[in-house]
């Protein structure tokens, strides 16, 4: 009686699946090959914390999109997001550099005029 519960003759009638059946080769061919483009996430976080934070936040948003788009099969989108993240990192850094230079110039002018 207990043996009847575990004796599944129906399993022998089903065709066996191989491990290769789990992978769909058609979808694999559409995915980009190689490693994804650089995402500049570390640079985006550093420029957000140290430099101009509004531009740094935009850089973080673009940097976070790179790997998802790449592994989703959107090669052009990943490359564009990578380029945008890099651009916004440099804009954040440049914005902070401009503010620092203007501040130092103001201090120098006020310091000279205050004597």
PDB file of N, CA and C in Angstrom:
ATOM      1  N   UNK A   1       0.805  -1.175   0.000  1.00  0.00           N
ATOM      2  CA  UNK A   1       0.000   0.000   0.000  1.00  0.00           C
ATOM      3  C   UNK A   1       0.860   1.255   0.000  1.00  0.00           C
ATOM      4  N   UNK A   2       1.851   1.316   0.869  1.00  0.00           N
ATOM      5  CA  UNK A   2       2.758   2.453   0.887  1.00  0.00           C
ATOM      6  C   UNK A   2       3.596   2.471  -0.377  1.00  0.00           C
ATOM      7  N   UNK A   3       3.865   1.295  -0.880  1.00  0.00           N
ATOM      8  CA  UNK A   3       4.668   1.211  -2.088  1.00  0.00           C
ATOM      9  C   UNK A   3       3.904   1.780  -3.278  1.00  0.00           C
ATOM     10  N   UNK A   4       2.622   1.714  -3.301  1.00  0.00           N
ATOM     11  CA  UNK A   4       1.824   2.248  -4.394  1.00  0.00           C
ATOM     12  C   UNK A   4       1.919   3.771  -4.478  1.00  0.00           C
ATOM     13  N   UNK A   5       2.084   4.414  -3.339  1.00  0.00           N
ATOM     14  CA  UNK A   5       2.183   5.872  -3.354  1.00  0.00           C
ATOM     15  C   UNK A   5       3.461   6.348  -4.032  1.00  0.00           C
ATOM     16  N   UNK A   6       4.524   5.619  -3.880  1.00  0.00           N
ATOM     17  CA  UNK A   6       5.806   6.062  -4.406  1.00  0.00           C
ATOM     18  C   UNK A   6       6.159   5.422  -5.742  1.00  0.00           C
ATOM     19  N   UNK A   7       5.376   4.497  -6.174  1.00  0.00           N
ATOM     20  CA  UNK A   7       5.639   3.835  -7.437  1.00  0.00           C
ATOM     21  C   UNK A   7       4.935   4.621  -8.542  1.00  0.00           C
ATOM     22  N   UNK A   8       5.659   5.529  -9.177  1.00  0.00           N
ATOM     23  CA  UNK A   8       5.081   6.362 -10.221  1.00  0.00           C
ATOM     24  C   UNK A   8       5.475   5.828 -11.587  1.00  0.00           C
ATOM     25  N   UNK A   9       4.604   5.041 -12.147  1.00  0.00           N
ATOM     26  CA  UNK A   9       4.876   4.542 -13.494  1.00  0.00           C
ATOM     27  C   UNK A   9       4.695   5.633 -14.533  1.00  0.00           C
ATOM     28  N   UNK A  10       3.959   6.680 -14.185  1.00  0.00           N
ATOM     29  CA  UNK A  10       3.732   7.757 -15.145  1.00  0.00           C
ATOM     30  C   UNK A  10       5.015   8.514 -15.463  1.00  0.00           C
ATOM     31  N   UNK A  11       5.960   8.538 -14.532  1.00  0.00           N
ATOM     32  CA  UNK A  11       7.212   9.250 -14.754  1.00  0.00           C
ATOM     33  C   UNK A  11       8.040   8.624 -15.871  1.00  0.00           C
ATOM     34  N   UNK A  12       7.875   7.346 -16.084  1.00  0.00           N
ATOM     35  CA  UNK A  12       8.660   6.688 -17.121  1.00  0.00           C
ATOM     36  C   UNK A  12       8.145   7.009 -18.511  1.00  0.00           C
ATOM     37  N   UNK A  13       6.894   7.439 -18.601  1.00  0.00           N
ATOM     38  CA  UNK A  13       6.326   7.775 -19.893  1.00  0.00           C
ATOM     39  C   UNK A  13       6.710   9.182 -20.356  1.00  0.00           C
ATOM     40  N   UNK A  14       7.070  10.059 -19.409  1.00  0.00           N
ATOM     41  CA  UNK A  14       7.436  11.427 -19.766  1.00  0.00           C
ATOM     42  C   UNK A  14       8.828  11.461 -20.384  1.00  0.00           C
ATOM     43  N   UNK A  15       9.004  12.289 -21.392  1.00  0.00           N
ATOM     44  CA  UNK A  15      10.356  12.416 -21.954  1.00  0.00           C
ATOM     45  C   UNK A  15      11.253  13.171 -20.973  1.00  0.00           C
ATOM     46  N   UNK A  16      12.463  12.731 -20.891  1.00  0.00           N
ATOM     47  CA  UNK A  16      13.424  13.369 -19.995  1.00  0.00           C
ATOM     48  C   UNK A  16      13.961  14.644 -20.645  1.00  0.00           C
ATOM     49  N   UNK A  17      14.131  15.663 -19.828  1.00  0.00           N
ATOM     50  CA  UNK A  17      14.686  16.920 -20.318  1.00  0.00           C
ATOM     51  C   UNK A  17      16.155  16.984 -19.962  1.00  0.00           C
ATOM     52  N   UNK A  18      16.906  17.518 -20.863  1.00  0.00           N
ATOM     53  CA  UNK A  18      18.321  17.705 -20.564  1.00  0.00           C
ATOM     54  C   UNK A  18      18.520  19.103 -19.977  1.00  0.00           C
ATOM     55  N   UNK A  19      19.695  19.360 -19.461  1.00  0.00           N
ATOM     56  CA  UNK A  19      19.989  20.665 -18.885  1.00  0.00           C
ATOM     57  C   UNK A  19      19.997  21.746 -19.956  1.00  0.00           C
ATOM     58  N   UNK A  20      20.292  21.383 -21.176  1.00  0.00           N
ATOM     59  CA  UNK A  20      20.351  22.369 -22.244  1.00  0.00           C
ATOM     60  C   UNK A  20      18.976  22.889 -22.626  1.00  0.00           C
ATOM     61  N   UNK A  21      17.916  22.151 -22.286  1.00  0.00           N
ATOM     62  CA  UNK A  21      16.570  22.601 -22.613  1.00  0.00           C
ATOM     63  C   UNK A  21      16.163  23.808 -21.783  1.00  0.00           C
ATOM     64  N   UNK A  22      16.830  24.043 -20.661  1.00  0.00           N
ATOM     65  CA  UNK A  22      16.477  25.169 -19.803  1.00  0.00           C
ATOM     66  C   UNK A  22      16.930  26.500 -20.384  1.00  0.00           C
ATOM     67  N   UNK A  23      17.846  26.482 -21.308  1.00  0.00           N
ATOM     68  CA  UNK A  23      18.382  27.707 -21.871  1.00  0.00           C
ATOM     69  C   UNK A  23      17.800  27.930 -23.261  1.00  0.00           C
ATOM     70  N   UNK A  24      17.372  29.150 -23.488  1.00  0.00           N
ATOM     71  CA  UNK A  24      16.835  29.504 -24.788  1.00  0.00           C
ATOM     72  C   UNK A  24      17.947  30.179 -25.578  1.00  0.00           C
ATOM     73  N   UNK A  25      18.458  29.489 -26.572  1.00  0.00           N
ATOM     74  CA  UNK A  25      19.591  30.002 -27.330  1.00  0.00           C
ATOM     75  C   UNK A  25      19.233  31.226 -28.160  1.00  0.00           C
ATOM     76  N   UNK A  26      17.977  31.387 -28.537  1.00  0.00           N
ATOM     77  CA  UNK A  26      17.585  32.533 -29.346  1.00  0.00           C
ATOM     78  C   UNK A  26      17.745  33.838 -28.582  1.00  0.00           C
ATOM     79  N   UNK A  27      17.394  33.852 -27.294  1.00  0.00           N
ATOM     80  CA  UNK A  27      17.528  35.067 -26.499  1.00  0.00           C
ATOM     81  C   UNK A  27      18.985  35.377 -26.210  1.00  0.00           C
ATOM     82  N   UNK A  28      19.796  34.352 -26.111  1.00  0.00           N
ATOM     83  CA  UNK A  28      21.198  34.564 -25.776  1.00  0.00           C
ATOM     84  C   UNK A  28      21.930  35.298 -26.896  1.00  0.00           C
ATOM     85  N   UNK A  29      21.567  35.051 -28.124  1.00  0.00           N
ATOM     86  CA  UNK A  29      22.250  35.672 -29.252  1.00  0.00           C
ATOM     87  C   UNK A  29      21.978  37.164 -29.326  1.00  0.00           C
ATOM     88  N   UNK A  30      20.864  37.635 -28.772  1.00  0.00           N
ATOM     89  CA  UNK A  30      20.519  39.042 -28.827  1.00  0.00           C
ATOM     90  C   UNK A  30      21.249  39.862 -27.768  1.00  0.00           C
ATOM     91  N   UNK A  31      21.779  39.219 -26.754  1.00  0.00           N
ATOM     92  CA  UNK A  31      22.440  39.943 -25.672  1.00  0.00           C
ATOM     93  C   UNK A  31      23.817  40.405 -26.122  1.00  0.00           C
ATOM     94  N   UNK A  32      24.226  41.584 -25.625  1.00  0.00           N
ATOM     95  CA  UNK A  32      25.578  42.047 -25.974  1.00  0.00           C
ATOM     96  C   UNK A  32      26.633  41.125 -25.388  1.00  0.00           C
ATOM     97  N   UNK A  33      27.702  40.989 -26.081  1.00  0.00           N
ATOM     98  CA  UNK A  33      28.794  40.131 -25.619  1.00  0.00           C
ATOM     99  C   UNK A  33      29.861  40.998 -24.950  1.00  0.00           C
ATOM    100  N   UNK A  34      30.626  40.369 -24.083  1.00  0.00           N
ATOM    101  CA  UNK A  34      31.702  41.070 -23.410  1.00  0.00           C
ATOM    102  C   UNK A  34      31.244  41.735 -22.126  1.00  0.00           C
ATOM    103  N   UNK A  35      32.104  42.546 -21.598  1.00  0.00           N
ATOM    104  CA  UNK A  35      31.777  43.217 -20.342  1.00  0.00           C
ATOM    105  C   UNK A  35      31.039  44.525 -20.630  1.00  0.00           C
ATOM    106  N   UNK A  36      30.232  44.961 -19.684  1.00  0.00           N
ATOM    107  CA  UNK A  36      29.480  46.207 -19.899  1.00  0.00           C
ATOM    108  C   UNK A  36      30.410  47.410 -19.875  1.00  0.00           C
ATOM    109  N   UNK A  37      29.967  48.534 -20.413  1.00  0.00           N
ATOM    110  CA  UNK A  37      30.799  49.742 -20.363  1.00  0.00           C
ATOM    111  C   UNK A  37      30.933  50.215 -18.914  1.00  0.00           C
ATOM    112  N   UNK A  38      31.919  51.046 -18.628  1.00  0.00           N
ATOM    113  CA  UNK A  38      32.073  51.518 -17.248  1.00  0.00           C
ATOM    114  C   UNK A  38      30.850  52.315 -16.815  1.00  0.00           C
ATOM    115  N   UNK A  39      30.438  52.114 -15.564  1.00  0.00           N
ATOM    116  CA  UNK A  39      29.232  52.805 -15.115  1.00  0.00           C
ATOM    117  C   UNK A  39      29.522  54.081 -14.334  1.00  0.00           C
ATOM    118  N   UNK A  40      30.743  54.312 -13.919  1.00  0.00           N
ATOM    119  CA  UNK A  40      31.161  55.525 -13.226  1.00  0.00           C
ATOM    120  C   UNK A  40      30.369  55.765 -11.947  1.00  0.00           C
ATOM    121  N   UNK A  41      29.886  54.707 -11.318  1.00  0.00           N
ATOM    122  CA  UNK A  41      29.078  54.867 -10.111  1.00  0.00           C
ATOM    123  C   UNK A  41      29.907  55.403  -8.954  1.00  0.00           C
ATOM    124  N   UNK A  42      31.119  54.916  -8.787  1.00  0.00           N
ATOM    125  CA  UNK A  42      31.968  55.407  -7.698  1.00  0.00           C
ATOM    126  C   UNK A  42      32.286  56.887  -7.892  1.00  0.00           C
ATOM    127  N   UNK A  43      32.629  57.268  -9.103  1.00  0.00           N
ATOM    128  CA  UNK A  43      32.924  58.677  -9.386  1.00  0.00           C
ATOM    129  C   UNK A  43      31.692  59.542  -9.166  1.00  0.00           C
ATOM    130  N   UNK A  44      30.520  59.025  -9.533  1.00  0.00           N
ATOM    131  CA  UNK A  44      29.286  59.782  -9.346  1.00  0.00           C
ATOM    132  C   UNK A  44      28.990  60.000  -7.861  1.00  0.00           C
ATOM    133  N   UNK A  45      29.218  58.978  -7.060  1.00  0.00           N
ATOM    134  CA  UNK A  45      28.969  59.112  -5.619  1.00  0.00           C
ATOM    135  C   UNK A  45      29.967  60.084  -4.999  1.00  0.00           C
ATOM    136  N   UNK A  46      31.230  59.979  -5.383  1.00  0.00           N
ATOM    137  CA  UNK A  46      32.251  60.875  -4.828  1.00  0.00           C
ATOM    138  C   UNK A  46      31.980  62.326  -5.218  1.00  0.00           C
ATOM    139  N   UNK A  47      31.642  62.574  -6.479  1.00  0.00           N
ATOM    140  CA  UNK A  47      31.362  63.952  -6.893  1.00  0.00           C
ATOM    141  C   UNK A  47      30.090  64.474  -6.251  1.00  0.00           C
ATOM    142  N   UNK A  48      29.150  63.590  -5.952  1.00  0.00           N
ATOM    143  CA  UNK A  48      27.943  64.030  -5.262  1.00  0.00           C
ATOM    144  C   UNK A  48      28.270  64.463  -3.840  1.00  0.00           C
ATOM    145  N   UNK A  49      29.094  63.704  -3.158  1.00  0.00           N
ATOM    146  CA  UNK A  49      29.416  64.015  -1.766  1.00  0.00           C
ATOM    147  C   UNK A  49      30.379  65.187  -1.622  1.00  0.00           C
ATOM    148  N   UNK A  50      31.346  65.310  -2.529  1.00  0.00           N
ATOM    149  CA  UNK A  50      32.395  66.311  -2.370  1.00  0.00           C
ATOM    150  C   UNK A  50      32.133  67.553  -3.217  1.00  0.00           C
ATOM    151  N   UNK A  51      31.613  67.379  -4.398  1.00  0.00           N
ATOM    152  CA  UNK A  51      31.486  68.493  -5.342  1.00  0.00           C
ATOM    153  C   UNK A  51      30.055  69.015  -5.381  1.00  0.00           C
ATOM    154  N   UNK A  52      29.584  69.253  -6.542  1.00  0.00           N
ATOM    155  CA  UNK A  52      28.267  69.829  -6.783  1.00  0.00           C
ATOM    156  C   UNK A  52      27.218  68.714  -6.742  1.00  0.00           C
ATOM    157  N   UNK A  53      26.398  68.669  -5.705  1.00  0.00           N
ATOM    158  CA  UNK A  53      25.513  67.522  -5.519  1.00  0.00           C
ATOM    159  C   UNK A  53      24.362  67.436  -6.525  1.00  0.00           C
ATOM    160  N   UNK A  54      23.776  68.527  -7.050  1.00  0.00           N
ATOM    161  CA  UNK A  54      22.690  68.316  -8.028  1.00  0.00           C
ATOM    162  C   UNK A  54      23.151  67.580  -9.287  1.00  0.00           C
ATOM    163  N   UNK A  55      24.296  67.961  -9.812  1.00  0.00           N
ATOM    164  CA  UNK A  55      24.817  67.272 -10.996  1.00  0.00           C
ATOM    165  C   UNK A  55      25.280  65.865 -10.634  1.00  0.00           C
ATOM    166  N   UNK A  56      25.763  65.673  -9.419  1.00  0.00           N
ATOM    167  CA  UNK A  56      26.185  64.350  -8.966  1.00  0.00           C
ATOM    168  C   UNK A  56      25.024  63.378  -8.856  1.00  0.00           C
ATOM    169  N   UNK A  57      23.872  63.876  -8.447  1.00  0.00           N
ATOM    170  CA  UNK A  57      22.688  63.014  -8.352  1.00  0.00           C
ATOM    171  C   UNK A  57      22.272  62.535  -9.737  1.00  0.00           C
ATOM    172  N   UNK A  58      22.332  63.428 -10.711  1.00  0.00           N
ATOM    173  CA  UNK A  58      22.013  63.035 -12.090  1.00  0.00           C
ATOM    174  C   UNK A  58      23.019  61.999 -12.582  1.00  0.00           C
ATOM    175  N   UNK A  59      24.281  62.175 -12.223  1.00  0.00           N
ATOM    176  CA  UNK A  59      25.313  61.201 -12.601  1.00  0.00           C
ATOM    177  C   UNK A  59      25.032  59.842 -11.968  1.00  0.00           C
ATOM    178  N   UNK A  60      24.586  59.831 -10.720  1.00  0.00           N
ATOM    179  CA  UNK A  60      24.256  58.558 -10.056  1.00  0.00           C
ATOM    180  C   UNK A  60      23.095  57.869 -10.772  1.00  0.00           C
ATOM    181  N   UNK A  61      22.111  58.627 -11.174  1.00  0.00           N
ATOM    182  CA  UNK A  61      20.949  58.036 -11.863  1.00  0.00           C
ATOM    183  C   UNK A  61      21.384  57.377 -13.170  1.00  0.00           C
ATOM    184  N   UNK A  62      22.200  58.068 -13.952  1.00  0.00           N
ATOM    185  CA  UNK A  62      22.672  57.475 -15.206  1.00  0.00           C
ATOM    186  C   UNK A  62      23.596  56.291 -14.947  1.00  0.00           C
ATOM    187  N   UNK A  63      24.448  56.397 -13.937  1.00  0.00           N
ATOM    188  CA  UNK A  63      25.383  55.311 -13.635  1.00  0.00           C
ATOM    189  C   UNK A  63      24.652  54.049 -13.206  1.00  0.00           C
ATOM    190  N   UNK A  64      23.540  54.217 -12.506  1.00  0.00           N
ATOM    191  CA  UNK A  64      22.776  53.057 -12.047  1.00  0.00           C
ATOM    192  C   UNK A  64      22.056  52.356 -13.197  1.00  0.00           C
ATOM    193  N   UNK A  65      21.885  53.004 -14.315  1.00  0.00           N
ATOM    194  CA  UNK A  65      21.174  52.420 -15.453  1.00  0.00           C
ATOM    195  C   UNK A  65      22.067  51.573 -16.353  1.00  0.00           C
ATOM    196  N   UNK A  66      23.366  51.747 -16.259  1.00  0.00           N
ATOM    197  CA  UNK A  66      24.279  51.135 -17.240  1.00  0.00           C
ATOM    198  C   UNK A  66      24.184  49.611 -17.236  1.00  0.00           C
ATOM    199  N   UNK A  67      24.405  48.973 -16.097  1.00  0.00           N
ATOM    200  CA  UNK A  67      24.434  47.508 -16.063  1.00  0.00           C
ATOM    201  C   UNK A  67      23.073  46.896 -16.378  1.00  0.00           C
ATOM    202  N   UNK A  68      22.005  47.504 -15.903  1.00  0.00           N
ATOM    203  CA  UNK A  68      20.676  46.977 -16.191  1.00  0.00           C
ATOM    204  C   UNK A  68      20.353  46.990 -17.676  1.00  0.00           C
ATOM    205  N   UNK A  69      20.715  48.079 -18.327  1.00  0.00           N
ATOM    206  CA  UNK A  69      20.471  48.153 -19.770  1.00  0.00           C
ATOM    207  C   UNK A  69      21.354  47.175 -20.531  1.00  0.00           C
ATOM    208  N   UNK A  70      22.602  47.037 -20.093  1.00  0.00           N
ATOM    209  CA  UNK A  70      23.528  46.131 -20.783  1.00  0.00           C
ATOM    210  C   UNK A  70      23.037  44.698 -20.710  1.00  0.00           C
ATOM    211  N   UNK A  71      22.729  44.244 -19.505  1.00  0.00           N
ATOM    212  CA  UNK A  71      22.300  42.854 -19.346  1.00  0.00           C
ATOM    213  C   UNK A  71      20.872  42.632 -19.825  1.00  0.00           C
ATOM    214  N   UNK A  72      20.132  43.700 -20.037  1.00  0.00           N
ATOM    215  CA  UNK A  72      18.810  43.596 -20.629  1.00  0.00           C
ATOM    216  C   UNK A  72      18.850  43.538 -22.142  1.00  0.00           C
ATOM    217  N   UNK A  73      20.029  43.707 -22.726  1.00  0.00           N
ATOM    218  CA  UNK A  73      20.168  43.612 -24.176  1.00  0.00           C
ATOM    219  C   UNK A  73      20.198  44.955 -24.886  1.00  0.00           C
ATOM    220  N   UNK A  74      20.105  46.054 -24.142  1.00  0.00           N
ATOM    221  CA  UNK A  74      20.090  47.391 -24.741  1.00  0.00           C
ATOM    222  C   UNK A  74      21.509  47.948 -24.766  1.00  0.00           C
ATOM    223  N   UNK A  75      22.264  47.576 -25.788  1.00  0.00           N
ATOM    224  CA  UNK A  75      23.668  47.978 -25.876  1.00  0.00           C
ATOM    225  C   UNK A  75      23.808  49.475 -26.058  1.00  0.00           C
ATOM    226  N   UNK A  76      23.033  50.048 -26.957  1.00  0.00           N
ATOM    227  CA  UNK A  76      23.107  51.492 -27.204  1.00  0.00           C
ATOM    228  C   UNK A  76      22.690  52.290 -25.976  1.00  0.00           C
ATOM    229  N   UNK A  77      21.653  51.832 -25.297  1.00  0.00           N
ATOM    230  CA  UNK A  77      21.206  52.514 -24.092  1.00  0.00           C
ATOM    231  C   UNK A  77      22.251  52.480 -22.993  1.00  0.00           C
ATOM    232  N   UNK A  78      22.943  51.341 -22.869  1.00  0.00           N
ATOM    233  CA  UNK A  78      23.994  51.224 -21.859  1.00  0.00           C
ATOM    234  C   UNK A  78      25.163  52.148 -22.176  1.00  0.00           C
ATOM    235  N   UNK A  79      25.541  52.210 -23.450  1.00  0.00           N
ATOM    236  CA  UNK A  79      26.638  53.102 -23.842  1.00  0.00           C
ATOM    237  C   UNK A  79      26.254  54.565 -23.644  1.00  0.00           C
ATOM    238  N   UNK A  80      25.007  54.899 -23.959  1.00  0.00           N
ATOM    239  CA  UNK A  80      24.541  56.281 -23.762  1.00  0.00           C
ATOM    240  C   UNK A  80      24.484  56.636 -22.281  1.00  0.00           C
ATOM    241  N   UNK A  81      23.995  55.717 -21.446  1.00  0.00           N
ATOM    242  CA  UNK A  81      23.933  55.975 -20.011  1.00  0.00           C
ATOM    243  C   UNK A  81      25.335  56.120 -19.428  1.00  0.00           C
ATOM    244  N   UNK A  82      26.285  55.328 -19.914  1.00  0.00           N
ATOM    245  CA  UNK A  82      27.663  55.441 -19.462  1.00  0.00           C
ATOM    246  C   UNK A  82      28.260  56.793 -19.843  1.00  0.00           C
ATOM    247  N   UNK A  83      28.023  57.216 -21.068  1.00  0.00           N
ATOM    248  CA  UNK A  83      28.538  58.519 -21.519  1.00  0.00           C
ATOM    249  C   UNK A  83      27.893  59.662 -20.735  1.00  0.00           C
ATOM    250  N   UNK A  84      26.594  59.554 -20.472  1.00  0.00           N
ATOM    251  CA  UNK A  84      25.915  60.596 -19.698  1.00  0.00           C
ATOM    252  C   UNK A  84      26.405  60.637 -18.255  1.00  0.00           C
ATOM    253  N   UNK A  85      26.643  59.472 -17.664  1.00  0.00           N
ATOM    254  CA  UNK A  85      27.160  59.435 -16.290  1.00  0.00           C
ATOM    255  C   UNK A  85      28.529  60.092 -16.224  1.00  0.00           C
ATOM    256  N   UNK A  86      29.383  59.799 -17.202  1.00  0.00           N
ATOM    257  CA  UNK A  86      30.712  60.407 -17.242  1.00  0.00           C
ATOM    258  C   UNK A  86      30.608  61.916 -17.414  1.00  0.00           C
ATOM    259  N   UNK A  87      29.742  62.372 -18.306  1.00  0.00           N
ATOM    260  CA  UNK A  87      29.574  63.800 -18.552  1.00  0.00           C
ATOM    261  C   UNK A  87      29.095  64.522 -17.290  1.00  0.00           C
ATOM    262  N   UNK A  88      28.100  63.946 -16.603  1.00  0.00           N
ATOM    263  CA  UNK A  88      27.568  64.594 -15.404  1.00  0.00           C
ATOM    264  C   UNK A  88      28.566  64.562 -14.251  1.00  0.00           C
ATOM    265  N   UNK A  89      29.417  63.547 -14.187  1.00  0.00           N
ATOM    266  CA  UNK A  89      30.498  63.538 -13.188  1.00  0.00           C
ATOM    267  C   UNK A  89      31.445  64.705 -13.430  1.00  0.00           C
ATOM    268  N   UNK A  90      31.824  64.903 -14.687  1.00  0.00           N
ATOM    269  CA  UNK A  90      32.726  66.001 -15.003  1.00  0.00           C
ATOM    270  C   UNK A  90      32.053  67.355 -14.799  1.00  0.00           C
ATOM    271  N   UNK A  91      30.760  67.454 -15.109  1.00  0.00           N
ATOM    272  CA  UNK A  91      30.051  68.709 -14.855  1.00  0.00           C
ATOM    273  C   UNK A  91      29.991  69.014 -13.360  1.00  0.00           C
ATOM    274  N   UNK A  92      29.771  68.011 -12.562  1.00  0.00           N
ATOM    275  CA  UNK A  92      29.749  68.195 -11.112  1.00  0.00           C
ATOM    276  C   UNK A  92      31.112  68.639 -10.607  1.00  0.00           C
ATOM    277  N   UNK A  93      32.161  67.989 -11.084  1.00  0.00           N
ATOM    278  CA  UNK A  93      33.518  68.358 -10.696  1.00  0.00           C
ATOM    279  C   UNK A  93      33.853  69.770 -11.181  1.00  0.00           C
ATOM    280  N   UNK A  94      33.505  70.069 -12.418  1.00  0.00           N
ATOM    281  CA  UNK A  94      33.770  71.399 -12.978  1.00  0.00           C
ATOM    282  C   UNK A  94      32.985  72.485 -12.267  1.00  0.00           C
ATOM    283  N   UNK A  95      31.744  72.197 -11.911  1.00  0.00           N
ATOM    284  CA  UNK A  95      30.940  73.167 -11.164  1.00  0.00           C
ATOM    285  C   UNK A  95      31.557  73.496  -9.820  1.00  0.00           C
ATOM    286  N   UNK A  96      32.046  72.491  -9.136  1.00  0.00           N
ATOM    287  CA  UNK A  96      32.708  72.718  -7.849  1.00  0.00           C
ATOM    288  C   UNK A  96      34.006  73.492  -8.040  1.00  0.00           C
ATOM    289  N   UNK A  97      34.749  73.188  -9.095  1.00  0.00           N
ATOM    290  CA  UNK A  97      36.001  73.905  -9.354  1.00  0.00           C
ATOM    291  C   UNK A  97      35.735  75.380  -9.644  1.00  0.00           C
ATOM    292  N   UNK A  98      34.690  75.671 -10.412  1.00  0.00           N
ATOM    293  CA  UNK A  98      34.338  77.056 -10.716  1.00  0.00           C
ATOM    294  C   UNK A  98      33.949  77.794  -9.439  1.00  0.00           C
ATOM    295  N   UNK A  99      33.168  77.185  -8.583  1.00  0.00           N
ATOM    296  CA  UNK A  99      32.754  77.820  -7.335  1.00  0.00           C
ATOM    297  C   UNK A  99      33.967  78.093  -6.445  1.00  0.00           C
ATOM    298  N   UNK A 100      34.883  77.144  -6.373  1.00  0.00           N
ATOM    299  CA  UNK A 100      36.081  77.338  -5.548  1.00  0.00           C
ATOM    300  C   UNK A 100      36.950  78.470  -6.106  1.00  0.00           C
ATOM    301  N   UNK A 101      37.140  78.521  -7.409  1.00  0.00           N
ATOM    302  CA  UNK A 101      37.940  79.580  -8.022  1.00  0.00           C
ATOM    303  C   UNK A 101      37.279  80.936  -7.793  1.00  0.00           C
ATOM    304  N   UNK A 102      35.976  81.019  -7.972  1.00  0.00           N
ATOM    305  CA  UNK A 102      35.269  82.287  -7.725  1.00  0.00           C
ATOM    306  C   UNK A 102      35.365  82.698  -6.262  1.00  0.00           C
ATOM    307  N   UNK A 103      35.269  81.744  -5.352  1.00  0.00           N
ATOM    308  CA  UNK A 103      35.382  82.049  -3.933  1.00  0.00           C
ATOM    309  C   UNK A 103      36.787  82.564  -3.608  1.00  0.00           C
ATOM    310  N   UNK A 104      37.813  81.904  -4.140  1.00  0.00           N
ATOM    311  CA  UNK A 104      39.183  82.359  -3.883  1.00  0.00           C
ATOM    312  C   UNK A 104      39.437  83.736  -4.489  1.00  0.00           C
ATOM    313  N   UNK A 105      38.872  83.993  -5.668  1.00  0.00           N
ATOM    314  CA  UNK A 105      39.018  85.310  -6.284  1.00  0.00           C
ATOM    315  C   UNK A 105      38.316  86.374  -5.447  1.00  0.00           C
ATOM    316  N   UNK A 106      37.157  86.060  -4.933  1.00  0.00           N
ATOM    317  CA  UNK A 106      36.427  87.005  -4.088  1.00  0.00           C
ATOM    318  C   UNK A 106      37.187  87.286  -2.799  1.00  0.00           C
ATOM    319  N   UNK A 107      37.742  86.249  -2.203  1.00  0.00           N
ATOM    320  CA  UNK A 107      38.536  86.433  -0.983  1.00  0.00           C
ATOM    321  C   UNK A 107      39.758  87.278  -1.272  1.00  0.00           C
ATOM    322  N   UNK A 108      40.402  87.058  -2.414  1.00  0.00           N
ATOM    323  CA  UNK A 108      41.591  87.829  -2.762  1.00  0.00           C
ATOM    324  C   UNK A 108      41.235  89.285  -3.000  1.00  0.00           C
ATOM    325  N   UNK A 109      40.127  89.548  -3.699  1.00  0.00           N
ATOM    326  CA  UNK A 109      39.731  90.924  -3.995  1.00  0.00           C
ATOM    327  C   UNK A 109      39.314  91.634  -2.710  1.00  0.00           C
ATOM    328  N   UNK A 110      38.521  90.984  -1.898  1.00  0.00           N
ATOM    329  CA  UNK A 110      38.080  91.592  -0.650  1.00  0.00           C
ATOM    330  C   UNK A 110      39.264  91.752   0.299  1.00  0.00           C
ATOM    331  N   UNK A 111      40.179  90.814   0.297  1.00  0.00           N
ATOM    332  CA  UNK A 111      41.363  90.915   1.139  1.00  0.00           C
ATOM    333  C   UNK A 111      42.263  92.057   0.742  1.00  0.00           C
ATOM    334  N   UNK A 112      42.415  92.277  -0.544  1.00  0.00           N
ATOM    335  CA  UNK A 112      43.242  93.382  -1.030  1.00  0.00           C
ATOM    336  C   UNK A 112      42.538  94.713  -0.777  1.00  0.00           C
ATOM    337  N   UNK A 113      41.237  94.769  -1.037  1.00  0.00           N
ATOM    338  CA  UNK A 113      40.495  96.015  -0.866  1.00  0.00           C
ATOM    339  C   UNK A 113      40.304  96.348   0.622  1.00  0.00           C
ATOM    340  N   UNK A 114      40.346  95.372   1.487  1.00  0.00           N
ATOM    341  CA  UNK A 114      40.142  95.607   2.924  1.00  0.00           C
ATOM    342  C   UNK A 114      41.348  96.186   3.610  1.00  0.00           C
ATOM    343  N   UNK A 115      42.483  96.266   2.995  1.00  0.00           N
ATOM    344  CA  UNK A 115      43.703  96.790   3.646  1.00  0.00           C
ATOM    345  C   UNK A 115      43.702  98.247   3.681  1.00  0.00           C
TER     346      UNK A 115
END
